[in-house]
Amino acid sequence: SPNPDMRSALGKALAGRREKFVLEGHLCTIWKDGQYKRT
């Protein structure tokens, strides 16, 4: 999901321990007009 609020909240939760986690982030997902879009 490209939801910006989710990404920001997760970033805060990972602060100081990013290296402990394996992040499978997606290319081609964007947030437009308040909705998830594939591009």
PDB file of all heavy atoms in Angstrom:
ATOM      1  N   SER A   1       0.824  -1.212   0.000  1.00  0.00           N
ATOM      2  CA  SER A   1       0.000   0.000   0.000  1.00  0.00           C
ATOM      3  C   SER A   1       0.858   1.262   0.000  1.00  0.00           C
ATOM      4  O   SER A   1       1.804   1.374   0.780  1.00  0.00           O
ATOM      5  CB  SER A   1      -0.926   0.023   1.215  1.00  0.00           C
ATOM      6  OG  SER A   1      -1.633   1.258   1.277  1.00  0.00           O
ATOM      7  N   PRO A   2       0.493   2.245  -0.836  1.00  0.00           N
ATOM      8  CA  PRO A   2       1.230   3.514  -0.856  1.00  0.00           C
ATOM      9  C   PRO A   2       0.624   4.558   0.084  1.00  0.00           C
ATOM     10  O   PRO A   2       0.991   5.727   0.013  1.00  0.00           O
ATOM     11  CB  PRO A   2       1.079   3.960  -2.313  1.00  0.00           C
ATOM     12  CG  PRO A   2      -0.292   3.460  -2.687  1.00  0.00           C
ATOM     13  CD  PRO A   2      -0.496   2.173  -1.934  1.00  0.00           C
ATOM     14  N   ASN A   3      -0.305   4.137   0.949  1.00  0.00           N
ATOM     15  CA  ASN A   3      -0.963   5.087   1.850  1.00  0.00           C
ATOM     16  C   ASN A   3       0.091   5.898   2.615  1.00  0.00           C
ATOM     17  O   ASN A   3       0.904   5.331   3.357  1.00  0.00           O
ATOM     18  CB  ASN A   3      -1.858   4.334   2.830  1.00  0.00           C
ATOM     19  CG  ASN A   3      -2.631   5.269   3.738  1.00  0.00           C
ATOM     20  OD1 ASN A   3      -2.049   5.949   4.583  1.00  0.00           O
ATOM     21  ND2 ASN A   3      -3.944   5.278   3.597  1.00  0.00           N
ATOM     22  N   PRO A   4       0.112   7.230   2.449  1.00  0.00           N
ATOM     23  CA  PRO A   4       1.174   8.039   3.063  1.00  0.00           C
ATOM     24  C   PRO A   4       1.146   8.030   4.586  1.00  0.00           C
ATOM     25  O   PRO A   4       2.215   8.041   5.221  1.00  0.00           O
ATOM     26  CB  PRO A   4       0.919   9.449   2.502  1.00  0.00           C
ATOM     27  CG  PRO A   4      -0.506   9.435   2.058  1.00  0.00           C
ATOM     28  CD  PRO A   4      -0.796   8.043   1.615  1.00  0.00           C
ATOM     29  N   ASP A   5      -0.043   8.007   5.179  1.00  0.00           N
ATOM     30  CA  ASP A   5      -0.131   7.980   6.642  1.00  0.00           C
ATOM     31  C   ASP A   5       0.443   6.682   7.201  1.00  0.00           C
ATOM     32  O   ASP A   5       1.146   6.689   8.223  1.00  0.00           O
ATOM     33  CB  ASP A   5      -1.589   8.137   7.090  1.00  0.00           C
ATOM     34  CG  ASP A   5      -2.166   9.502   6.757  1.00  0.00           C
ATOM     35  OD1 ASP A   5      -1.371  10.461   6.638  1.00  0.00           O
ATOM     36  OD2 ASP A   5      -3.398   9.609   6.598  1.00  0.00           O
ATOM     37  N   MET A   6       0.150   5.567   6.524  1.00  0.00           N
ATOM     38  CA  MET A   6       0.685   4.280   6.961  1.00  0.00           C
ATOM     39  C   MET A   6       2.200   4.266   6.862  1.00  0.00           C
ATOM     40  O   MET A   6       2.904   3.823   7.778  1.00  0.00           O
ATOM     41  CB  MET A   6       0.082   3.151   6.123  1.00  0.00           C
ATOM     42  CG  MET A   6       0.513   1.732   6.528  1.00  0.00           C
ATOM     43  SD  MET A   6       2.060   1.193   5.746  1.00  0.00           S
ATOM     44  CE  MET A   6       1.537   1.026   4.047  1.00  0.00           C
ATOM     45  N   ARG A   7       2.727   4.753   5.754  1.00  0.00           N
ATOM     46  CA  ARG A   7       4.182   4.782   5.565  1.00  0.00           C
ATOM     47  C   ARG A   7       4.861   5.632   6.642  1.00  0.00           C
ATOM     48  O   ARG A   7       5.888   5.237   7.197  1.00  0.00           O
ATOM     49  CB  ARG A   7       4.517   5.321   4.179  1.00  0.00           C
ATOM     50  CG  ARG A   7       4.225   4.361   3.037  1.00  0.00           C
ATOM     51  CD  ARG A   7       4.509   5.014   1.691  1.00  0.00           C
ATOM     52  NE  ARG A   7       4.475   4.049   0.597  1.00  0.00           N
ATOM     53  CZ  ARG A   7       4.639   4.361  -0.685  1.00  0.00           C
ATOM     54  NH1 ARG A   7       4.836   5.632  -1.035  1.00  0.00           N
ATOM     55  NH2 ARG A   7       4.603   3.432  -1.622  1.00  0.00           N
ATOM     56  N   SER A   8       4.285   6.773   6.927  1.00  0.00           N
ATOM     57  CA  SER A   8       4.884   7.667   7.920  1.00  0.00           C
ATOM     58  C   SER A   8       4.834   7.050   9.318  1.00  0.00           C
ATOM     59  O   SER A   8       5.812   7.109  10.076  1.00  0.00           O
ATOM     60  CB  SER A   8       4.161   9.024   7.927  1.00  0.00           C
ATOM     61  OG  SER A   8       4.346   9.693   6.699  1.00  0.00           O
ATOM     62  N   ALA A   9       3.705   6.445   9.667  1.00  0.00           N
ATOM     63  CA  ALA A   9       3.567   5.817  10.982  1.00  0.00           C
ATOM     64  C   ALA A   9       4.542   4.658  11.133  1.00  0.00           C
ATOM     65  O   ALA A   9       5.159   4.470  12.195  1.00  0.00           O
ATOM     66  CB  ALA A   9       2.130   5.336  11.191  1.00  0.00           C
ATOM     67  N   LEU A  10       4.698   3.902  10.072  1.00  0.00           N
ATOM     68  CA  LEU A  10       5.628   2.776  10.116  1.00  0.00           C
ATOM     69  C   LEU A  10       7.066   3.269  10.228  1.00  0.00           C
ATOM     70  O   LEU A  10       7.877   2.678  10.960  1.00  0.00           O
ATOM     71  CB  LEU A  10       5.454   1.907   8.876  1.00  0.00           C
ATOM     72  CG  LEU A  10       6.245   0.604   8.832  1.00  0.00           C
ATOM     73  CD1 LEU A  10       5.932  -0.269  10.037  1.00  0.00           C
ATOM     74  CD2 LEU A  10       5.960  -0.159   7.546  1.00  0.00           C
ATOM     75  N   GLY A  11       7.376   4.340   9.529  1.00  0.00           N
ATOM     76  CA  GLY A  11       8.719   4.914   9.622  1.00  0.00           C
ATOM     77  C   GLY A  11       9.056   5.312  11.042  1.00  0.00           C
ATOM     78  O   GLY A  11      10.184   5.082  11.518  1.00  0.00           O
ATOM     79  N   LYS A  12       8.105   5.909  11.738  1.00  0.00           N
ATOM     80  CA  LYS A  12       8.323   6.289  13.134  1.00  0.00           C
ATOM     81  C   LYS A  12       8.546   5.053  14.002  1.00  0.00           C
ATOM     82  O   LYS A  12       9.409   5.048  14.885  1.00  0.00           O
ATOM     83  CB  LYS A  12       7.120   7.074  13.654  1.00  0.00           C
ATOM     84  CG  LYS A  12       6.929   8.433  12.996  1.00  0.00           C
ATOM     85  CD  LYS A  12       5.629   9.082  13.471  1.00  0.00           C
ATOM     86  CE  LYS A  12       5.362  10.384  12.728  1.00  0.00           C
ATOM     87  NZ  LYS A  12       4.050  10.983  13.115  1.00  0.00           N
ATOM     88  N   ALA A  13       7.772   3.988  13.749  1.00  0.00           N
ATOM     89  CA  ALA A  13       7.883   2.766  14.552  1.00  0.00           C
ATOM     90  C   ALA A  13       9.204   2.037  14.304  1.00  0.00           C
ATOM     91  O   ALA A  13       9.705   1.323  15.187  1.00  0.00           O
ATOM     92  CB  ALA A  13       6.708   1.837  14.255  1.00  0.00           C
ATOM     93  N   LEU A  14       9.766   2.208  13.107  1.00  0.00           N
ATOM     94  CA  LEU A  14      11.023   1.527  12.760  1.00  0.00           C
ATOM     95  C   LEU A  14      12.260   2.317  13.171  1.00  0.00           C
ATOM     96  O   LEU A  14      13.377   1.791  13.109  1.00  0.00           O
ATOM     97  CB  LEU A  14      11.071   1.285  11.245  1.00  0.00           C
ATOM     98  CG  LEU A  14      10.092   0.255  10.670  1.00  0.00           C
ATOM     99  CD1 LEU A  14      10.136   0.289   9.146  1.00  0.00           C
ATOM    100  CD2 LEU A  14      10.388  -1.151  11.183  1.00  0.00           C
ATOM    101  N   ALA A  15      12.065   3.559  13.567  1.00  0.00           N
ATOM    102  CA  ALA A  15      13.204   4.421  13.912  1.00  0.00           C
ATOM    103  C   ALA A  15      14.089   3.774  14.967  1.00  0.00           C
ATOM    104  O   ALA A  15      13.610   3.308  16.005  1.00  0.00           O
ATOM    105  CB  ALA A  15      12.701   5.773  14.411  1.00  0.00           C
ATOM    106  N   GLY A  16      15.393   3.704  14.689  1.00  0.00           N
ATOM    107  CA  GLY A  16      16.342   3.122  15.623  1.00  0.00           C
ATOM    108  C   GLY A  16      16.482   1.616  15.522  1.00  0.00           C
ATOM    109  O   GLY A  16      17.349   1.021  16.176  1.00  0.00           O
ATOM    110  N   ARG A  17      15.663   0.982  14.694  1.00  0.00           N
ATOM    111  CA  ARG A  17      15.748  -0.484  14.562  1.00  0.00           C
ATOM    112  C   ARG A  17      15.456  -0.942  13.124  1.00  0.00           C
ATOM    113  O   ARG A  17      15.045  -2.083  12.898  1.00  0.00           O
ATOM    114  CB  ARG A  17      14.791  -1.162  15.538  1.00  0.00           C
ATOM    115  CG  ARG A  17      13.358  -0.623  15.503  1.00  0.00           C
ATOM    116  CD  ARG A  17      12.475  -1.324  16.504  1.00  0.00           C
ATOM    117  NE  ARG A  17      11.187  -0.659  16.680  1.00  0.00           N
ATOM    118  CZ  ARG A  17      10.237  -1.074  17.495  1.00  0.00           C
ATOM    119  NH1 ARG A  17      10.417  -2.174  18.219  1.00  0.00           N
ATOM    120  NH2 ARG A  17       9.085  -0.423  17.613  1.00  0.00           N
ATOM    121  N   ARG A  18      15.658  -0.060  12.180  1.00  0.00           N
ATOM    122  CA  ARG A  18      15.424  -0.389  10.769  1.00  0.00           C
ATOM    123  C   ARG A  18      16.163  -1.642  10.346  1.00  0.00           C
ATOM    124  O   ARG A  18      15.619  -2.491   9.608  1.00  0.00           O
ATOM    125  CB  ARG A  18      15.844   0.813   9.903  1.00  0.00           C
ATOM    126  CG  ARG A  18      16.074   0.521   8.416  1.00  0.00           C
ATOM    127  CD  ARG A  18      14.777   0.177   7.717  1.00  0.00           C
ATOM    128  NE  ARG A  18      14.982  -0.150   6.313  1.00  0.00           N
ATOM    129  CZ  ARG A  18      15.179  -1.387   5.855  1.00  0.00           C
ATOM    130  NH1 ARG A  18      15.227  -2.430   6.687  1.00  0.00           N
ATOM    131  NH2 ARG A  18      15.324  -1.601   4.560  1.00  0.00           N
ATOM    132  N   GLU A  19      17.402  -1.822  10.805  1.00  0.00           N
ATOM    133  CA  GLU A  19      18.234  -2.947  10.361  1.00  0.00           C
ATOM    134  C   GLU A  19      17.696  -4.298  10.833  1.00  0.00           C
ATOM    135  O   GLU A  19      18.108  -5.341  10.310  1.00  0.00           O
ATOM    136  CB  GLU A  19      19.666  -2.766  10.863  1.00  0.00           C
ATOM    137  CG  GLU A  19      20.358  -1.517  10.333  1.00  0.00           C
ATOM    138  CD  GLU A  19      20.454  -1.499   8.822  1.00  0.00           C
ATOM    139  OE1 GLU A  19      20.681  -2.577   8.243  1.00  0.00           O
ATOM    140  OE2 GLU A  19      20.323  -0.428   8.225  1.00  0.00           O
ATOM    141  N   LYS A  20      16.789  -4.299  11.783  1.00  0.00           N
ATOM    142  CA  LYS A  20      16.221  -5.552  12.262  1.00  0.00           C
ATOM    143  C   LYS A  20      15.184  -6.124  11.294  1.00  0.00           C
ATOM    144  O   LYS A  20      14.796  -7.290  11.426  1.00  0.00           O
ATOM    145  CB  LYS A  20      15.559  -5.352  13.629  1.00  0.00           C
ATOM    146  CG  LYS A  20      16.517  -5.098  14.775  1.00  0.00           C
ATOM    147  CD  LYS A  20      15.734  -5.033  16.090  1.00  0.00           C
ATOM    148  CE  LYS A  20      16.656  -4.881  17.285  1.00  0.00           C
ATOM    149  NZ  LYS A  20      15.890  -4.883  18.561  1.00  0.00           N
ATOM    150  N   PHE A  21      14.713  -5.292  10.374  1.00  0.00           N
ATOM    151  CA  PHE A  21      13.585  -5.686   9.552  1.00  0.00           C
ATOM    152  C   PHE A  21      13.941  -5.768   8.067  1.00  0.00           C
ATOM    153  O   PHE A  21      14.795  -5.041   7.570  1.00  0.00           O
ATOM    154  CB  PHE A  21      12.424  -4.699   9.747  1.00  0.00           C
ATOM    155  CG  PHE A  21      11.800  -4.796  11.119  1.00  0.00           C
ATOM    156  CD1 PHE A  21      12.301  -4.059  12.180  1.00  0.00           C
ATOM    157  CD2 PHE A  21      10.743  -5.654  11.347  1.00  0.00           C
ATOM    158  CE1 PHE A  21      11.749  -4.157  13.445  1.00  0.00           C
ATOM    159  CE2 PHE A  21      10.176  -5.762  12.606  1.00  0.00           C
ATOM    160  CZ  PHE A  21      10.679  -5.019  13.664  1.00  0.00           C
ATOM    161  N   VAL A  22      13.260  -6.680   7.389  1.00  0.00           N
ATOM    162  CA  VAL A  22      13.368  -6.847   5.946  1.00  0.00           C
ATOM    163  C   VAL A  22      12.113  -6.234   5.336  1.00  0.00           C
ATOM    164  O   VAL A  22      11.009  -6.726   5.551  1.00  0.00           O
ATOM    165  CB  VAL A  22      13.480  -8.337   5.563  1.00  0.00           C
ATOM    166  CG1 VAL A  22      13.441  -8.508   4.042  1.00  0.00           C
ATOM    167  CG2 VAL A  22      14.751  -8.950   6.152  1.00  0.00           C
ATOM    168  N   LEU A  23      12.300  -5.150   4.595  1.00  0.00           N
ATOM    169  CA  LEU A  23      11.168  -4.430   4.014  1.00  0.00           C
ATOM    170  C   LEU A  23      10.989  -4.805   2.549  1.00  0.00           C
ATOM    171  O   LEU A  23      11.892  -4.644   1.734  1.00  0.00           O
ATOM    172  CB  LEU A  23      11.368  -2.920   4.150  1.00  0.00           C
ATOM    173  CG  LEU A  23      11.521  -2.382   5.585  1.00  0.00           C
ATOM    174  CD1 LEU A  23      11.616  -0.863   5.578  1.00  0.00           C
ATOM    175  CD2 LEU A  23      10.352  -2.834   6.462  1.00  0.00           C
ATOM    176  N   GLU A  24       9.816  -5.314   2.239  1.00  0.00           N
ATOM    177  CA  GLU A  24       9.441  -5.676   0.878  1.00  0.00           C
ATOM    178  C   GLU A  24       8.532  -4.560   0.365  1.00  0.00           C
ATOM    179  O   GLU A  24       7.317  -4.603   0.476  1.00  0.00           O
ATOM    180  CB  GLU A  24       8.716  -7.032   0.894  1.00  0.00           C
ATOM    181  CG  GLU A  24       8.352  -7.568  -0.465  1.00  0.00           C
ATOM    182  CD  GLU A  24       7.790  -8.980  -0.380  1.00  0.00           C
ATOM    183  OE1 GLU A  24       6.569  -9.125  -0.153  1.00  0.00           O
ATOM    184  OE2 GLU A  24       8.571  -9.943  -0.499  1.00  0.00           O
ATOM    185  N   GLY A  25       9.174  -3.495  -0.160  1.00  0.00           N
ATOM    186  CA  GLY A  25       8.432  -2.341  -0.646  1.00  0.00           C
ATOM    187  C   GLY A  25       8.112  -2.484  -2.122  1.00  0.00           C
ATOM    188  O   GLY A  25       8.838  -3.133  -2.874  1.00  0.00           O
ATOM    189  N   HIS A  26       7.004  -1.882  -2.546  1.00  0.00           N
ATOM    190  CA  HIS A  26       6.536  -2.066  -3.919  1.00  0.00           C
ATOM    191  C   HIS A  26       6.823  -0.856  -4.802  1.00  0.00           C
ATOM    192  O   HIS A  26       6.639   0.294  -4.398  1.00  0.00           O
ATOM    193  CB  HIS A  26       5.040  -2.351  -3.926  1.00  0.00           C
ATOM    194  CG  HIS A  26       4.698  -3.719  -3.424  1.00  0.00           C
ATOM    195  ND1 HIS A  26       3.868  -4.591  -4.106  1.00  0.00           N
ATOM    196  CD2 HIS A  26       5.085  -4.383  -2.305  1.00  0.00           C
ATOM    197  CE1 HIS A  26       3.754  -5.720  -3.420  1.00  0.00           C
ATOM    198  NE2 HIS A  26       4.486  -5.609  -2.320  1.00  0.00           N
ATOM    199  N   LEU A  27       7.263  -1.169  -6.022  1.00  0.00           N
ATOM    200  CA  LEU A  27       7.334  -0.176  -7.088  1.00  0.00           C
ATOM    201  C   LEU A  27       5.986  -0.169  -7.811  1.00  0.00           C
ATOM    202  O   LEU A  27       5.296  -1.186  -7.833  1.00  0.00           O
ATOM    203  CB  LEU A  27       8.439  -0.533  -8.083  1.00  0.00           C
ATOM    204  CG  LEU A  27       9.865  -0.690  -7.530  1.00  0.00           C
ATOM    205  CD1 LEU A  27      10.786  -1.227  -8.610  1.00  0.00           C
ATOM    206  CD2 LEU A  27      10.382   0.624  -7.008  1.00  0.00           C
ATOM    207  N   CYS A  28       5.649   0.935  -8.405  1.00  0.00           N
ATOM    208  CA  CYS A  28       4.441   1.044  -9.235  1.00  0.00           C
ATOM    209  C   CYS A  28       3.147   1.215  -8.447  1.00  0.00           C
ATOM    210  O   CYS A  28       2.054   1.081  -8.993  1.00  0.00           O
ATOM    211  CB  CYS A  28       4.285  -0.146 -10.186  1.00  0.00           C
ATOM    212  SG  CYS A  28       5.727  -0.460 -11.209  1.00  0.00           S
ATOM    213  N   THR A  29       3.219   1.497  -7.141  1.00  0.00           N
ATOM    214  CA  THR A  29       2.023   1.838  -6.384  1.00  0.00           C
ATOM    215  C   THR A  29       2.118   3.305  -5.969  1.00  0.00           C
ATOM    216  O   THR A  29       3.145   3.740  -5.450  1.00  0.00           O
ATOM    217  CB  THR A  29       1.859   0.960  -5.130  1.00  0.00           C
ATOM    218  OG1 THR A  29       2.962   1.181  -4.252  1.00  0.00           O
ATOM    219  CG2 THR A  29       1.799  -0.505  -5.493  1.00  0.00           C
ATOM    220  N   ILE A  30       1.054   4.042  -6.218  1.00  0.00           N
ATOM    221  CA  ILE A  30       1.041   5.464  -5.890  1.00  0.00           C
ATOM    222  C   ILE A  30      -0.260   5.827  -5.182  1.00  0.00           C
ATOM    223  O   ILE A  30      -1.228   5.056  -5.194  1.00  0.00           O
ATOM    224  CB  ILE A  30       1.196   6.347  -7.153  1.00  0.00           C
ATOM    225  CG1 ILE A  30       0.044   6.084  -8.135  1.00  0.00           C
ATOM    226  CG2 ILE A  30       2.546   6.088  -7.812  1.00  0.00           C
ATOM    227  CD1 ILE A  30       0.000   7.065  -9.290  1.00  0.00           C
ATOM    228  N   TRP A  31      -0.278   6.984  -4.558  1.00  0.00           N
ATOM    229  CA  TRP A  31      -1.458   7.494  -3.847  1.00  0.00           C
ATOM    230  C   TRP A  31      -1.969   8.707  -4.615  1.00  0.00           C
ATOM    231  O   TRP A  31      -1.246   9.687  -4.804  1.00  0.00           O
ATOM    232  CB  TRP A  31      -1.066   7.872  -2.432  1.00  0.00           C
ATOM    233  CG  TRP A  31      -2.220   8.090  -1.504  1.00  0.00           C
ATOM    234  CD1 TRP A  31      -2.660   9.281  -1.012  1.00  0.00           C
ATOM    235  CD2 TRP A  31      -3.053   7.087  -0.922  1.00  0.00           C
ATOM    236  NE1 TRP A  31      -3.729   9.090  -0.172  1.00  0.00           N
ATOM    237  CE2 TRP A  31      -3.996   7.748  -0.087  1.00  0.00           C
ATOM    238  CE3 TRP A  31      -3.111   5.696  -1.026  1.00  0.00           C
ATOM    239  CZ2 TRP A  31      -4.974   7.070   0.640  1.00  0.00           C
ATOM    240  CZ3 TRP A  31      -4.086   5.012  -0.305  1.00  0.00           C
ATOM    241  CH2 TRP A  31      -4.996   5.685   0.512  1.00  0.00           C
ATOM    242  N   LYS A  32      -3.208   8.616  -5.102  1.00  0.00           N
ATOM    243  CA  LYS A  32      -3.770   9.698  -5.898  1.00  0.00           C
ATOM    244  C   LYS A  32      -5.229   9.918  -5.529  1.00  0.00           C
ATOM    245  O   LYS A  32      -6.011   8.960  -5.494  1.00  0.00           O
ATOM    246  CB  LYS A  32      -3.652   9.370  -7.391  1.00  0.00           C
ATOM    247  CG  LYS A  32      -4.054  10.508  -8.309  1.00  0.00           C
ATOM    248  CD  LYS A  32      -3.788  10.139  -9.767  1.00  0.00           C
ATOM    249  CE  LYS A  32      -4.148  11.292 -10.696  1.00  0.00           C
ATOM    250  NZ  LYS A  32      -3.905  10.944 -12.119  1.00  0.00           N
ATOM    251  N   ASP A  33      -5.569  11.156  -5.244  1.00  0.00           N
ATOM    252  CA  ASP A  33      -6.942  11.518  -4.874  1.00  0.00           C
ATOM    253  C   ASP A  33      -7.448  10.688  -3.705  1.00  0.00           C
ATOM    254  O   ASP A  33      -8.607  10.245  -3.677  1.00  0.00           O
ATOM    255  CB  ASP A  33      -7.884  11.343  -6.082  1.00  0.00           C
ATOM    256  CG  ASP A  33      -7.483  12.213  -7.262  1.00  0.00           C
ATOM    257  OD1 ASP A  33      -6.989  13.332  -7.017  1.00  0.00           O
ATOM    258  OD2 ASP A  33      -7.640  11.768  -8.412  1.00  0.00           O
ATOM    259  N   GLY A  34      -6.540  10.450  -2.753  1.00  0.00           N
ATOM    260  CA  GLY A  34      -6.925   9.720  -1.561  1.00  0.00           C
ATOM    261  C   GLY A  34      -7.125   8.237  -1.762  1.00  0.00           C
ATOM    262  O   GLY A  34      -7.726   7.557  -0.924  1.00  0.00           O
ATOM    263  N   GLN A  35      -6.595   7.687  -2.883  1.00  0.00           N
ATOM    264  CA  GLN A  35      -6.777   6.266  -3.170  1.00  0.00           C
ATOM    265  C   GLN A  35      -5.475   5.639  -3.675  1.00  0.00           C
ATOM    266  O   GLN A  35      -4.632   6.315  -4.262  1.00  0.00           O
ATOM    267  CB  GLN A  35      -7.863   6.057  -4.234  1.00  0.00           C
ATOM    268  CG  GLN A  35      -9.273   6.388  -3.759  1.00  0.00           C
ATOM    269  CD  GLN A  35     -10.311   6.031  -4.807  1.00  0.00           C
ATOM    270  OE1 GLN A  35     -10.050   6.104  -6.005  1.00  0.00           O
ATOM    271  NE2 GLN A  35     -11.495   5.655  -4.364  1.00  0.00           N
ATOM    272  N   TYR A  36      -5.383   4.331  -3.452  1.00  0.00           N
ATOM    273  CA  TYR A  36      -4.268   3.556  -3.992  1.00  0.00           C
ATOM    274  C   TYR A  36      -4.458   3.343  -5.496  1.00  0.00           C
ATOM    275  O   TYR A  36      -5.543   3.006  -5.953  1.00  0.00           O
ATOM    276  CB  TYR A  36      -4.187   2.213  -3.258  1.00  0.00           C
ATOM    277  CG  TYR A  36      -3.788   1.026  -4.095  1.00  0.00           C
ATOM    278  CD1 TYR A  36      -2.479   0.859  -4.521  1.00  0.00           C
ATOM    279  CD2 TYR A  36      -4.733   0.056  -4.461  1.00  0.00           C
ATOM    280  CE1 TYR A  36      -2.113  -0.245  -5.298  1.00  0.00           C
ATOM    281  CE2 TYR A  36      -4.375  -1.040  -5.225  1.00  0.00           C
ATOM    282  CZ  TYR A  36      -3.068  -1.181  -5.643  1.00  0.00           C
ATOM    283  OH  TYR A  36      -2.718  -2.261  -6.413  1.00  0.00           O
ATOM    284  N   LYS A  37      -3.397   3.537  -6.250  1.00  0.00           N
ATOM    285  CA  LYS A  37      -3.424   3.303  -7.693  1.00  0.00           C
ATOM    286  C   LYS A  37      -2.190   2.511  -8.108  1.00  0.00           C
ATOM    287  O   LYS A  37      -1.123   2.637  -7.504  1.00  0.00           O
ATOM    288  CB  LYS A  37      -3.421   4.632  -8.465  1.00  0.00           C
ATOM    289  CG  LYS A  37      -4.580   5.571  -8.149  1.00  0.00           C
ATOM    290  CD  LYS A  37      -5.859   5.132  -8.810  1.00  0.00           C
ATOM    291  CE  LYS A  37      -6.960   6.170  -8.588  1.00  0.00           C
ATOM    292  NZ  LYS A  37      -8.236   5.755  -9.211  1.00  0.00           N
ATOM    293  N   ARG A  38      -2.349   1.697  -9.142  1.00  0.00           N
ATOM    294  CA  ARG A  38      -1.201   1.047  -9.769  1.00  0.00           C
ATOM    295  C   ARG A  38      -0.845   1.812 -11.030  1.00  0.00           C
ATOM    296  O   ARG A  38      -1.726   2.229 -11.789  1.00  0.00           O
ATOM    297  CB  ARG A  38      -1.541  -0.399 -10.133  1.00  0.00           C
ATOM    298  CG  ARG A  38      -0.396  -1.139 -10.808  1.00  0.00           C
ATOM    299  CD  ARG A  38      -0.790  -2.533 -11.241  1.00  0.00           C
ATOM    300  NE  ARG A  38      -1.841  -2.537 -12.240  1.00  0.00           N
ATOM    301  CZ  ARG A  38      -2.178  -3.612 -12.958  1.00  0.00           C
ATOM    302  NH1 ARG A  38      -1.557  -4.757 -12.771  1.00  0.00           N
ATOM    303  NH2 ARG A  38      -3.152  -3.557 -13.845  1.00  0.00           N
ATOM    304  N   THR A  39       0.452   2.000 -11.260  1.00  0.00           N
ATOM    305  CA  THR A  39       0.878   2.743 -12.441  1.00  0.00           C
ATOM    306  C   THR A  39       2.127   2.126 -13.027  1.00  0.00           C
ATOM    307  O   THR A  39       2.895   1.465 -12.335  1.00  0.00           O
ATOM    308  CB  THR A  39       1.163   4.224 -12.083  1.00  0.00           C
ATOM    309  OG1 THR A  39       1.489   4.942 -13.279  1.00  0.00           O
ATOM    310  CG2 THR A  39       2.341   4.347 -11.122  1.00  0.00           C
TER     311      THR A  39
END
